[in-house]
C-alpha cells in the first residue's frame, strides 16, 4: 500500500510539473480593446483558458521571459489611460495595476530581462518599469510628437521609437548611467510611422508608414533611412521571424499578411484572411504566426510555409496586441 501510494504521489508530481512546464512554454495572450480585458489562450488547442479584466482600452501586451507574467498597456478610450496591468498567468488574475499618472496613453511595450519599456504617447517619452522592484526606474523624453511603438536591442543599449505625428523615428543610445548621458538622434522617415521592429542581429529597423503604404528601412549603424518598400496598403504591424530571414506585415485594408525576404526586400507571398489582421507574434521556431483580427474577432494560427490558416479561436471585441511565452 505504501509503495502504491508513493507511486501515485510521484505520478501526481510529475503530471503537475509537466502541466506547469507546458503552461510556461505555451501560453498566448491577446488584448481585447473594446472589452477592457485580455484573454489567455492555449495556442496548441486554440482554446480560451481565461478572460482577465484590465484597465480601459488595453492596446499592447508583453510577457516576461520566465513566462509567468503578462504586462498590458491601458491606453484608454474616451478618457486617456494611465496604467499598466500586471497579470499572473498561472492564477490568471490581475495582481497589480501600476498607476503611471501623470503619464498618459501608455502604448508600445517591450520586455528585456525583467524590465518593461513603454511609451507614453501624450508625454512624448519612453519609460521603464522594473518588475522585480515594482517601480519605474527611469524616463526619457523623445522631443517628438506621439511616440507610439518601440523596439529595444537585447543588450538594452538602444531604443527606437516611432513618432507618428513627427514623421520621425527616435534612436536613444544609453549613456553610462541611463538616462544621463544618453544620445538622442531623430531620423526623418516617411509620413506617419507606426509599426516598427528590429532585426534579430540589430542591424536594421523596419518601420511602417501609415499614409505612404510602405515600409521604411533604417540602417542602425548610420541611424539613417536607407530604403523603402512599397506595400500598396498600410502595414499595421511588422515583425521579423526569429531567424531574421523574413519580415511579416499585417495589412488590415486587404485582409492579408505580406511576407518579405529580409535580405533582398522582395515580397515572397501574401496570405488572405477572413477578417482584418492587426497584431502578430511567431512561435519560437518561426514556423507559425498567431494573428489577432477584428471585425470578426479571432486569433488565427497560420502555417507560414504552407500559407494556410490551421487554427482559430474567437476572442472578445477588437483584439489587438498579442504575445506568446518563450518569445
Foldseek 3Di string as FASTA:
>chain_A
DVVVVVVVVVVVVVVVVVVVVLQQAFWKWWDFQQVQWIFIARVVVRGTPDIEHHAHGWFAWEAEQRSFWIKIFHQHDPDWDAWIFIAGSVVRYGPDIGGRPVQTRWAAWDDAPQKIWIARQQQQKIWIAHNVVRGTPDIDHQPAHRFHYKDAQNVRQWIWTFHQQRQWIKIWGPDPPPPPPIDIDTEHHDHGWHAWDAANVRQWIWTWHQVQQKIWIAGVVVRYTDDIGHRPHTFQYKDAQLVRQKIWTFGQVQQWIWIAGRPVRDTDDIAHDDFGWAEWDARNVRQWIWTAGAPQTKTFIARVVVSDTPDIYGDHHHIHHMYTHND
